[in-house]
Amino acid sequence: DRFVEHGGRFEDGAVERFQGPYKFLSNFFWSQLDYEGLCYPSVEHAFQAAKLRRNEERLAWGFTGSVSFGEAKRLGRQVPLREDWKEIREKVMASCLSAKFSDPSLREKLLRTGDRELIDGHSGSPDLIWGYHIPSQKGENRLGILLMDLRAKIRAPQTTSGSRALFHLDWPVKCLHDGLPQAYASRIRDLAVGAGLAGCSVVLPRRKICIALCGRSSDIDAWEHRMRTEDVDVNSRGRPCRERMLVELLRMSGAGACDTFSQRE
């Protein structure tokens, strides 16, 4: 049985179905995660919710609640689909997976799959985009590919280096009354991880967040540009603040060792 676990690692050979000891790889796995300021019970819930632009809509449709995986997927087929969904859906899935596997125990299990090919195989109703239909041998297996990409990124900081930068960020005064340092810190972390950056963020008193980043200079520049120009769609009531982060670059240095992203209070 290729799903048997032994010797502190999973046995060799491709993972062809996300079930049994590999159920944790499935989007239909209970794993609390933060995505754009809201907490979801699984990747499936967060991904389907992202088909809506605004957090208040995502809350209204019930994606953050205790609905089942199947119900979340069904709701995702009913919502008014944002017009750019096809362009952003893969990036959204990657961000959701990064948030899920920020959990140390899940991250360790993902790493223990080694270099095995991860295939989201199904025998029933085919999902030819995210999965692989075993009977017809068709499907793009995008979920499996994104998981393997994430696994490689988690490993990479242990052996790679890049430019390093230290920033101070101020979250919007307009939303100060909501008391949202953790929500903004999670939003910033997700954007950094999604940009392929490593580093550490610390929530400071007086509306400050300090973040140290490590990665390619171009990726750091792109992240900084997003912080300076995009709305920060996070508040505790699920409403967009329509405000931008105030960003101050404290220091930029040359190559140095990168570590996986972490967050401290």
C-alpha atoms as a PDB file:
ATOM      1  CA  ASP A   1       0.000   0.000   0.000  1.00  0.00           C
ATOM      2  CA  ARG A   2       1.665   3.195  -1.157  1.00  0.00           C
ATOM      3  CA  PHE A   3      -0.210   5.180   1.499  1.00  0.00           C
ATOM      4  CA  VAL A   4       1.682   3.467   4.325  1.00  0.00           C
ATOM      5  CA  GLU A   5       3.960   5.723   6.355  1.00  0.00           C
ATOM      6  CA  HIS A   6       7.207   4.309   7.691  1.00  0.00           C
ATOM      7  CA  GLY A   7      10.667   5.221   8.918  1.00  0.00           C
ATOM      8  CA  GLY A   8       9.782   8.832   9.761  1.00  0.00           C
ATOM      9  CA  ARG A   9       8.904   9.616   6.142  1.00  0.00           C
ATOM     10  CA  PHE A  10       6.370   8.634   3.508  1.00  0.00           C
ATOM     11  CA  GLU A  11       7.234   5.723   1.238  1.00  0.00           C
ATOM     12  CA  ASP A  12       8.692   6.326  -2.207  1.00  0.00           C
ATOM     13  CA  GLY A  13       6.586   6.697  -5.346  1.00  0.00           C
ATOM     14  CA  ALA A  14       4.102   9.281  -6.534  1.00  0.00           C
ATOM     15  CA  VAL A  15       1.230  10.337  -4.284  1.00  0.00           C
ATOM     16  CA  GLU A  16      -1.685   9.644  -6.610  1.00  0.00           C
ATOM     17  CA  ARG A  17      -4.615  10.547  -4.345  1.00  0.00           C
ATOM     18  CA  PHE A  18      -4.935  13.027  -1.501  1.00  0.00           C
ATOM     19  CA  GLN A  19      -6.485  10.603   0.978  1.00  0.00           C
ATOM     20  CA  GLY A  20      -5.463   8.431   3.913  1.00  0.00           C
ATOM     21  CA  PRO A  21      -2.241   9.830   5.424  1.00  0.00           C
ATOM     22  CA  TYR A  22      -2.138  12.270   2.490  1.00  0.00           C
ATOM     23  CA  LYS A  23      -5.555  13.760   3.233  1.00  0.00           C
ATOM     24  CA  PHE A  24      -3.745  16.826   4.621  1.00  0.00           C
ATOM     25  CA  LEU A  25      -2.790  17.744   1.029  1.00  0.00           C
ATOM     26  CA  SER A  26      -6.435  18.035   0.003  1.00  0.00           C
ATOM     27  CA  ASN A  27      -8.322  21.321  -0.026  1.00  0.00           C
ATOM     28  CA  PHE A  28     -11.077  19.312   1.686  1.00  0.00           C
ATOM     29  CA  PHE A  29      -9.048  19.192   4.903  1.00  0.00           C
ATOM     30  CA  TRP A  30      -9.964  21.144   8.034  1.00  0.00           C
ATOM     31  CA  SER A  31      -7.058  23.555   8.474  1.00  0.00           C
ATOM     32  CA  GLN A  32      -7.801  27.018   9.813  1.00  0.00           C
ATOM     33  CA  LEU A  33      -6.100  29.743   7.792  1.00  0.00           C
ATOM     34  CA  ASP A  34      -6.144  33.511   7.370  1.00  0.00           C
ATOM     35  CA  TYR A  35      -6.740  34.949   3.920  1.00  0.00           C
ATOM     36  CA  GLU A  36      -6.994  38.702   3.323  1.00  0.00           C
ATOM     37  CA  GLY A  37      -8.014  39.419   6.901  1.00  0.00           C
ATOM     38  CA  LEU A  38     -10.638  36.715   7.415  1.00  0.00           C
ATOM     39  CA  CYS A  39     -10.270  33.305   9.031  1.00  0.00           C
ATOM     40  CA  TYR A  40     -11.480  30.276   7.056  1.00  0.00           C
ATOM     41  CA  PRO A  41     -11.833  26.620   8.106  1.00  0.00           C
ATOM     42  CA  SER A  42     -10.108  25.256   4.985  1.00  0.00           C
ATOM     43  CA  VAL A  43      -8.451  26.155   1.692  1.00  0.00           C
ATOM     44  CA  GLU A  44     -11.665  25.211  -0.113  1.00  0.00           C
ATOM     45  CA  HIS A  45     -13.666  27.766   1.879  1.00  0.00           C
ATOM     46  CA  ALA A  46     -11.070  30.522   1.340  1.00  0.00           C
ATOM     47  CA  PHE A  47     -10.632  29.794  -2.367  1.00  0.00           C
ATOM     48  CA  GLN A  48     -14.355  29.809  -3.101  1.00  0.00           C
ATOM     49  CA  ALA A  49     -14.792  32.996  -1.046  1.00  0.00           C
ATOM     50  CA  ALA A  50     -12.094  34.723  -3.104  1.00  0.00           C
ATOM     51  CA  LYS A  51     -14.428  34.619  -6.105  1.00  0.00           C
ATOM     52  CA  LEU A  52     -16.000  37.635  -4.385  1.00  0.00           C
ATOM     53  CA  ARG A  53     -13.999  40.851  -4.119  1.00  0.00           C
ATOM     54  CA  ARG A  54     -15.127  42.174  -0.756  1.00  0.00           C
ATOM     55  CA  ASN A  55     -14.812  40.628   2.690  1.00  0.00           C
ATOM     56  CA  GLU A  56     -18.306  41.780   3.623  1.00  0.00           C
ATOM     57  CA  GLU A  57     -19.673  39.724   0.714  1.00  0.00           C
ATOM     58  CA  ARG A  58     -17.595  36.714   1.737  1.00  0.00           C
ATOM     59  CA  LEU A  59     -19.019  36.936   5.245  1.00  0.00           C
ATOM     60  CA  ALA A  60     -22.573  37.376   3.988  1.00  0.00           C
ATOM     61  CA  TRP A  61     -22.339  34.209   1.872  1.00  0.00           C
ATOM     62  CA  GLY A  62     -21.165  32.243   4.915  1.00  0.00           C
ATOM     63  CA  PHE A  63     -17.745  31.108   3.729  1.00  0.00           C
ATOM     64  CA  THR A  64     -16.137  31.751   7.125  1.00  0.00           C
ATOM     65  CA  GLY A  65     -18.731  29.628   8.924  1.00  0.00           C
ATOM     66  CA  SER A  66     -19.043  25.913   9.548  1.00  0.00           C
ATOM     67  CA  VAL A  67     -20.522  24.927   6.180  1.00  0.00           C
ATOM     68  CA  SER A  68     -19.219  21.666   4.742  1.00  0.00           C
ATOM     69  CA  PHE A  69     -16.599  21.408   2.017  1.00  0.00           C
ATOM     70  CA  GLY A  70     -19.247  20.437  -0.508  1.00  0.00           C
ATOM     71  CA  GLU A  71     -21.484  23.326   0.520  1.00  0.00           C
ATOM     72  CA  ALA A  72     -18.582  25.782   0.195  1.00  0.00           C
ATOM     73  CA  LYS A  73     -17.906  24.483  -3.307  1.00  0.00           C
ATOM     74  CA  ARG A  74     -21.606  24.717  -4.186  1.00  0.00           C
ATOM     75  CA  LEU A  75     -21.771  28.310  -2.914  1.00  0.00           C
ATOM     76  CA  GLY A  76     -18.716  29.120  -4.999  1.00  0.00           C
ATOM     77  CA  ARG A  77     -20.672  28.142  -8.102  1.00  0.00           C
ATOM     78  CA  GLN A  78     -23.521  30.477  -7.141  1.00  0.00           C
ATOM     79  CA  VAL A  79     -21.710  33.705  -6.243  1.00  0.00           C
ATOM     80  CA  PRO A  80     -21.420  36.556  -8.772  1.00  0.00           C
ATOM     81  CA  LEU A  81     -17.975  35.764 -10.136  1.00  0.00           C
ATOM     82  CA  ARG A  82     -15.462  38.605 -10.159  1.00  0.00           C
ATOM     83  CA  GLU A  83     -14.500  39.515 -13.716  1.00  0.00           C
ATOM     84  CA  ASP A  84     -10.784  38.832 -13.280  1.00  0.00           C
ATOM     85  CA  TRP A  85     -11.210  35.395 -11.705  1.00  0.00           C
ATOM     86  CA  LYS A  86      -9.601  33.350 -14.481  1.00  0.00           C
ATOM     87  CA  GLU A  87      -6.539  35.601 -14.386  1.00  0.00           C
ATOM     88  CA  ILE A  88      -6.059  35.485 -10.603  1.00  0.00           C
ATOM     89  CA  ARG A  89      -7.404  32.083  -9.546  1.00  0.00           C
ATOM     90  CA  GLU A  90      -4.038  30.307  -9.621  1.00  0.00           C
ATOM     91  CA  LYS A  91      -2.412  33.082  -7.614  1.00  0.00           C
ATOM     92  CA  VAL A  92      -5.293  32.921  -5.120  1.00  0.00           C
ATOM     93  CA  MET A  93      -4.859  29.166  -4.746  1.00  0.00           C
ATOM     94  CA  ALA A  94      -1.110  29.595  -4.183  1.00  0.00           C
ATOM     95  CA  SER A  95      -1.764  32.209  -1.481  1.00  0.00           C
ATOM     96  CA  CYS A  96      -4.317  29.987   0.253  1.00  0.00           C
ATOM     97  CA  LEU A  97      -1.909  27.045   0.234  1.00  0.00           C
ATOM     98  CA  SER A  98       0.895  29.231   1.620  1.00  0.00           C
ATOM     99  CA  ALA A  99      -1.386  30.307   4.463  1.00  0.00           C
ATOM    100  CA  LYS A 100      -2.443  26.711   5.158  1.00  0.00           C
ATOM    101  CA  PHE A 101       1.113  25.388   5.267  1.00  0.00           C
ATOM    102  CA  SER A 102       2.328  28.189   7.506  1.00  0.00           C
ATOM    103  CA  ASP A 103       1.163  25.766  10.213  1.00  0.00           C
ATOM    104  CA  PRO A 104       4.408  24.086  11.390  1.00  0.00           C
ATOM    105  CA  SER A 105       2.959  20.575  11.655  1.00  0.00           C
ATOM    106  CA  LEU A 106       1.432  20.680   8.169  1.00  0.00           C
ATOM    107  CA  ARG A 107       4.573  22.235   6.721  1.00  0.00           C
ATOM    108  CA  GLU A 108       6.645  19.410   8.205  1.00  0.00           C
ATOM    109  CA  LYS A 109       4.314  16.789   6.726  1.00  0.00           C
ATOM    110  CA  LEU A 110       4.573  18.450   3.316  1.00  0.00           C
ATOM    111  CA  LEU A 111       8.373  18.398   3.515  1.00  0.00           C
ATOM    112  CA  ARG A 112       8.306  14.726   4.492  1.00  0.00           C
ATOM    113  CA  THR A 113       6.826  13.888   1.086  1.00  0.00           C
ATOM    114  CA  GLY A 114      10.383  14.436  -0.175  1.00  0.00           C
ATOM    115  CA  ASP A 115      10.636  14.751  -3.947  1.00  0.00           C
ATOM    116  CA  ARG A 116       7.580  12.634  -4.663  1.00  0.00           C
ATOM    117  CA  GLU A 117       5.216  13.766  -7.378  1.00  0.00           C
ATOM    118  CA  LEU A 118       1.951  15.001  -5.854  1.00  0.00           C
ATOM    119  CA  ILE A 119      -1.111  14.151  -7.947  1.00  0.00           C
ATOM    120  CA  ASP A 120      -4.639  15.120  -6.928  1.00  0.00           C
ATOM    121  CA  GLY A 121      -6.115  12.036  -8.548  1.00  0.00           C
ATOM    122  CA  HIS A 122      -9.848  11.305  -8.765  1.00  0.00           C
ATOM    123  CA  SER A 123     -11.962   8.517 -10.212  1.00  0.00           C
ATOM    124  CA  GLY A 124     -15.343  10.235 -10.046  1.00  0.00           C
ATOM    125  CA  SER A 125     -16.509  13.503 -11.565  1.00  0.00           C
ATOM    126  CA  PRO A 126     -13.395  14.928 -13.236  1.00  0.00           C
ATOM    127  CA  ASP A 127     -11.773  18.233 -12.316  1.00  0.00           C
ATOM    128  CA  LEU A 128      -9.470  18.652 -15.284  1.00  0.00           C
ATOM    129  CA  ILE A 129      -7.972  21.955 -14.128  1.00  0.00           C
ATOM    130  CA  TRP A 130      -6.953  21.425 -10.504  1.00  0.00           C
ATOM    131  CA  GLY A 131      -6.948  17.640 -10.435  1.00  0.00           C
ATOM    132  CA  TYR A 132      -6.221  14.561 -12.526  1.00  0.00           C
ATOM    133  CA  HIS A 133      -8.931  12.160 -13.711  1.00  0.00           C
ATOM    134  CA  ILE A 134      -7.403   8.702 -13.339  1.00  0.00           C
ATOM    135  CA  PRO A 135      -9.824   6.699 -15.568  1.00  0.00           C
ATOM    136  CA  SER A 136      -9.376   9.024 -18.561  1.00  0.00           C
ATOM    137  CA  GLN A 137      -5.771   9.947 -17.673  1.00  0.00           C
ATOM    138  CA  LYS A 138      -6.580  13.608 -18.266  1.00  0.00           C
ATOM    139  CA  GLY A 139      -6.159  16.703 -16.140  1.00  0.00           C
ATOM    140  CA  GLU A 140      -3.712  19.530 -15.505  1.00  0.00           C
ATOM    141  CA  ASN A 141      -3.167  18.685 -11.807  1.00  0.00           C
ATOM    142  CA  ARG A 142      -2.620  22.356 -10.969  1.00  0.00           C
ATOM    143  CA  LEU A 143      -3.207  21.750  -7.258  1.00  0.00           C
ATOM    144  CA  GLY A 144      -0.503  19.104  -7.145  1.00  0.00           C
ATOM    145  CA  ILE A 145       1.886  21.337  -9.083  1.00  0.00           C
ATOM    146  CA  LEU A 146       1.290  24.281  -6.742  1.00  0.00           C
ATOM    147  CA  LEU A 147       1.913  22.042  -3.738  1.00  0.00           C
ATOM    148  CA  MET A 148       5.207  20.845  -5.222  1.00  0.00           C
ATOM    149  CA  ASP A 149       6.175  24.458  -5.975  1.00  0.00           C
ATOM    150  CA  LEU A 150       5.366  25.441  -2.392  1.00  0.00           C
ATOM    151  CA  ARG A 151       7.376  22.500  -1.063  1.00  0.00           C
ATOM    152  CA  ALA A 152      10.373  23.673  -3.103  1.00  0.00           C
ATOM    153  CA  LYS A 153       9.978  27.254  -1.837  1.00  0.00           C
ATOM    154  CA  ILE A 154       9.852  26.092   1.777  1.00  0.00           C
ATOM    155  CA  ARG A 155      13.101  24.204   1.261  1.00  0.00           C
ATOM    156  CA  ALA A 156      14.818  26.926  -0.771  1.00  0.00           C
ATOM    157  CA  PRO A 157      15.501  29.467   2.014  1.00  0.00           C
ATOM    158  CA  GLN A 158      17.674  26.890   3.772  1.00  0.00           C
ATOM    159  CA  THR A 159      20.228  27.003   0.944  1.00  0.00           C
ATOM    160  CA  THR A 160      19.656  30.307  -0.863  1.00  0.00           C
ATOM    161  CA  SER A 161      20.405  33.941  -0.173  1.00  0.00           C
ATOM    162  CA  GLY A 162      19.126  37.261  -1.394  1.00  0.00           C
ATOM    163  CA  SER A 163      18.893  40.959  -0.706  1.00  0.00           C
ATOM    164  CA  ARG A 164      17.647  41.987   2.714  1.00  0.00           C
ATOM    165  CA  ALA A 165      15.427  44.926   3.637  1.00  0.00           C
ATOM    166  CA  LEU A 166      13.918  46.277   6.846  1.00  0.00           C
ATOM    167  CA  PHE A 167      10.649  48.254   6.781  1.00  0.00           C
ATOM    168  CA  HIS A 168       8.375  50.053   9.200  1.00  0.00           C
ATOM    169  CA  LEU A 169       4.712  50.017   8.225  1.00  0.00           C
ATOM    170  CA  ASP A 170       1.827  52.020   9.655  1.00  0.00           C
ATOM    171  CA  TRP A 171      -1.676  50.674   9.176  1.00  0.00           C
ATOM    172  CA  PRO A 172      -4.386  53.155   8.153  1.00  0.00           C
ATOM    173  CA  VAL A 173      -5.552  55.666  10.758  1.00  0.00           C
ATOM    174  CA  LYS A 174      -9.091  55.302   9.417  1.00  0.00           C
ATOM    175  CA  CYS A 175      -9.245  51.735  10.684  1.00  0.00           C
ATOM    176  CA  LEU A 176      -7.414  52.320  13.950  1.00  0.00           C
ATOM    177  CA  HIS A 177     -10.591  52.022  16.020  1.00  0.00           C
ATOM    178  CA  ASP A 178     -10.938  48.408  14.917  1.00  0.00           C
ATOM    179  CA  GLY A 179      -7.683  47.469  16.650  1.00  0.00           C
ATOM    180  CA  LEU A 180      -6.396  45.301  13.825  1.00  0.00           C
ATOM    181  CA  PRO A 181      -2.646  44.749  14.113  1.00  0.00           C
ATOM    182  CA  GLN A 182      -2.953  40.993  13.655  1.00  0.00           C
ATOM    183  CA  ALA A 183      -5.255  41.295  10.645  1.00  0.00           C
ATOM    184  CA  TYR A 184      -2.908  43.691   8.907  1.00  0.00           C
ATOM    185  CA  ALA A 185       0.144  41.642   9.879  1.00  0.00           C
ATOM    186  CA  SER A 186      -1.478  38.555   8.337  1.00  0.00           C
ATOM    187  CA  ARG A 187      -2.320  40.487   5.163  1.00  0.00           C
ATOM    188  CA  ILE A 188       1.280  41.724   4.882  1.00  0.00           C
ATOM    189  CA  ARG A 189       2.671  38.249   5.550  1.00  0.00           C
ATOM    190  CA  ASP A 190       0.443  36.692   2.869  1.00  0.00           C
ATOM    191  CA  LEU A 191       1.602  39.256   0.298  1.00  0.00           C
ATOM    192  CA  ALA A 192       5.241  38.631   1.207  1.00  0.00           C
ATOM    193  CA  VAL A 193       4.951  34.836   1.023  1.00  0.00           C
ATOM    194  CA  GLY A 194       2.993  35.124  -2.219  1.00  0.00           C
ATOM    195  CA  ALA A 195       5.857  37.185  -3.660  1.00  0.00           C
ATOM    196  CA  GLY A 196       8.324  34.404  -2.804  1.00  0.00           C
ATOM    197  CA  LEU A 197       9.959  36.351   0.028  1.00  0.00           C
ATOM    198  CA  ALA A 198      11.269  35.048   3.327  1.00  0.00           C
ATOM    199  CA  GLY A 199      11.543  37.056   6.509  1.00  0.00           C
ATOM    200  CA  CYS A 200       9.942  37.980   9.793  1.00  0.00           C
ATOM    201  CA  SER A 201       7.307  40.476  10.922  1.00  0.00           C
ATOM    202  CA  VAL A 202       6.784  41.909  14.405  1.00  0.00           C
ATOM    203  CA  VAL A 203       3.731  43.831  15.609  1.00  0.00           C
ATOM    204  CA  LEU A 204       4.882  46.876  17.585  1.00  0.00           C
ATOM    205  CA  PRO A 205       2.966  49.352  19.789  1.00  0.00           C
ATOM    206  CA  ARG A 206       1.439  52.564  18.391  1.00  0.00           C
ATOM    207  CA  ARG A 207       0.117  51.160  15.106  1.00  0.00           C
ATOM    208  CA  LYS A 208       3.486  49.942  13.834  1.00  0.00           C
ATOM    209  CA  ILE A 209       4.582  46.746  12.145  1.00  0.00           C
ATOM    210  CA  CYS A 210       8.248  46.009  11.554  1.00  0.00           C
ATOM    211  CA  ILE A 211       9.048  43.572   8.763  1.00  0.00           C
ATOM    212  CA  ALA A 212      12.394  42.200   7.607  1.00  0.00           C
ATOM    213  CA  LEU A 213      12.389  40.649   4.136  1.00  0.00           C
ATOM    214  CA  CYS A 214      14.875  38.520   2.258  1.00  0.00           C
ATOM    215  CA  GLY A 215      14.724  37.626  -1.421  1.00  0.00           C
ATOM    216  CA  ARG A 216      15.380  38.984  -4.868  1.00  0.00           C
ATOM    217  CA  SER A 217      15.610  42.770  -5.007  1.00  0.00           C
ATOM    218  CA  SER A 218      12.964  42.878  -7.742  1.00  0.00           C
ATOM    219  CA  ASP A 219      10.537  40.870  -5.574  1.00  0.00           C
ATOM    220  CA  ILE A 220      11.136  43.161  -2.593  1.00  0.00           C
ATOM    221  CA  ASP A 221      10.567  46.211  -4.813  1.00  0.00           C
ATOM    222  CA  ALA A 222       7.334  44.717  -6.157  1.00  0.00           C
ATOM    223  CA  TRP A 223       6.102  43.975  -2.628  1.00  0.00           C
ATOM    224  CA  GLU A 224       6.925  47.528  -1.485  1.00  0.00           C
ATOM    225  CA  HIS A 225       5.075  48.954  -4.490  1.00  0.00           C
ATOM    226  CA  ARG A 226       1.956  46.975  -3.585  1.00  0.00           C
ATOM    227  CA  MET A 227       2.139  48.197   0.004  1.00  0.00           C
ATOM    228  CA  ARG A 228       2.375  51.817  -1.150  1.00  0.00           C
ATOM    229  CA  THR A 229      -0.269  51.751  -3.883  1.00  0.00           C
ATOM    230  CA  GLU A 230      -2.950  49.136  -3.149  1.00  0.00           C
ATOM    231  CA  ASP A 231      -5.931  49.316  -0.836  1.00  0.00           C
ATOM    232  CA  VAL A 232      -5.578  47.299   2.353  1.00  0.00           C
ATOM    233  CA  ASP A 233      -8.895  45.465   2.288  1.00  0.00           C
ATOM    234  CA  VAL A 234      -8.933  44.356   5.902  1.00  0.00           C
ATOM    235  CA  ASN A 235     -10.974  45.258   8.912  1.00  0.00           C
ATOM    236  CA  SER A 236     -12.534  43.324  11.751  1.00  0.00           C
ATOM    237  CA  ARG A 237     -16.040  43.828  10.385  1.00  0.00           C
ATOM    238  CA  GLY A 238     -15.149  42.440   6.969  1.00  0.00           C
ATOM    239  CA  ARG A 239     -15.387  45.832   5.253  1.00  0.00           C
ATOM    240  CA  PRO A 240     -12.688  47.250   2.962  1.00  0.00           C
ATOM    241  CA  CYS A 241     -10.876  50.180   4.520  1.00  0.00           C
ATOM    242  CA  ARG A 242      -9.980  51.686   1.143  1.00  0.00           C
ATOM    243  CA  GLU A 243      -6.748  52.842   2.727  1.00  0.00           C
ATOM    244  CA  ARG A 244      -3.068  52.271   1.974  1.00  0.00           C
ATOM    245  CA  MET A 245      -0.217  51.275   4.210  1.00  0.00           C
ATOM    246  CA  LEU A 246       2.324  53.944   5.133  1.00  0.00           C
ATOM    247  CA  VAL A 247       5.723  52.425   4.341  1.00  0.00           C
ATOM    248  CA  GLU A 248       9.178  53.506   5.450  1.00  0.00           C
ATOM    249  CA  LEU A 249      12.308  51.706   4.241  1.00  0.00           C
ATOM    250  CA  LEU A 250      14.759  51.677   7.136  1.00  0.00           C
ATOM    251  CA  ARG A 251      17.610  49.709   5.660  1.00  0.00           C
ATOM    252  CA  MET A 252      18.547  47.737   2.536  1.00  0.00           C
ATOM    253  CA  SER A 253      21.575  45.459   2.431  1.00  0.00           C
ATOM    254  CA  GLY A 254      23.238  42.950   0.138  1.00  0.00           C
ATOM    255  CA  ALA A 255      23.048  39.180   0.056  1.00  0.00           C
ATOM    256  CA  GLY A 256      22.390  37.263   3.225  1.00  0.00           C
ATOM    257  CA  ALA A 257      20.877  33.998   4.397  1.00  0.00           C
ATOM    258  CA  CYS A 258      17.108  33.649   4.071  1.00  0.00           C
ATOM    259  CA  ASP A 259      14.859  31.781   6.461  1.00  0.00           C
ATOM    260  CA  THR A 260      11.206  30.802   6.214  1.00  0.00           C
ATOM    261  CA  PHE A 261       8.686  33.533   6.979  1.00  0.00           C
ATOM    262  CA  SER A 262       7.590  33.937  10.592  1.00  0.00           C
ATOM    263  CA  GLN A 263       5.466  36.331  12.593  1.00  0.00           C
ATOM    264  CA  ARG A 264       5.884  37.421  16.202  1.00  0.00           C
ATOM    265  CA  GLU A 265       3.871  39.563  18.565  1.00  0.00           C
END
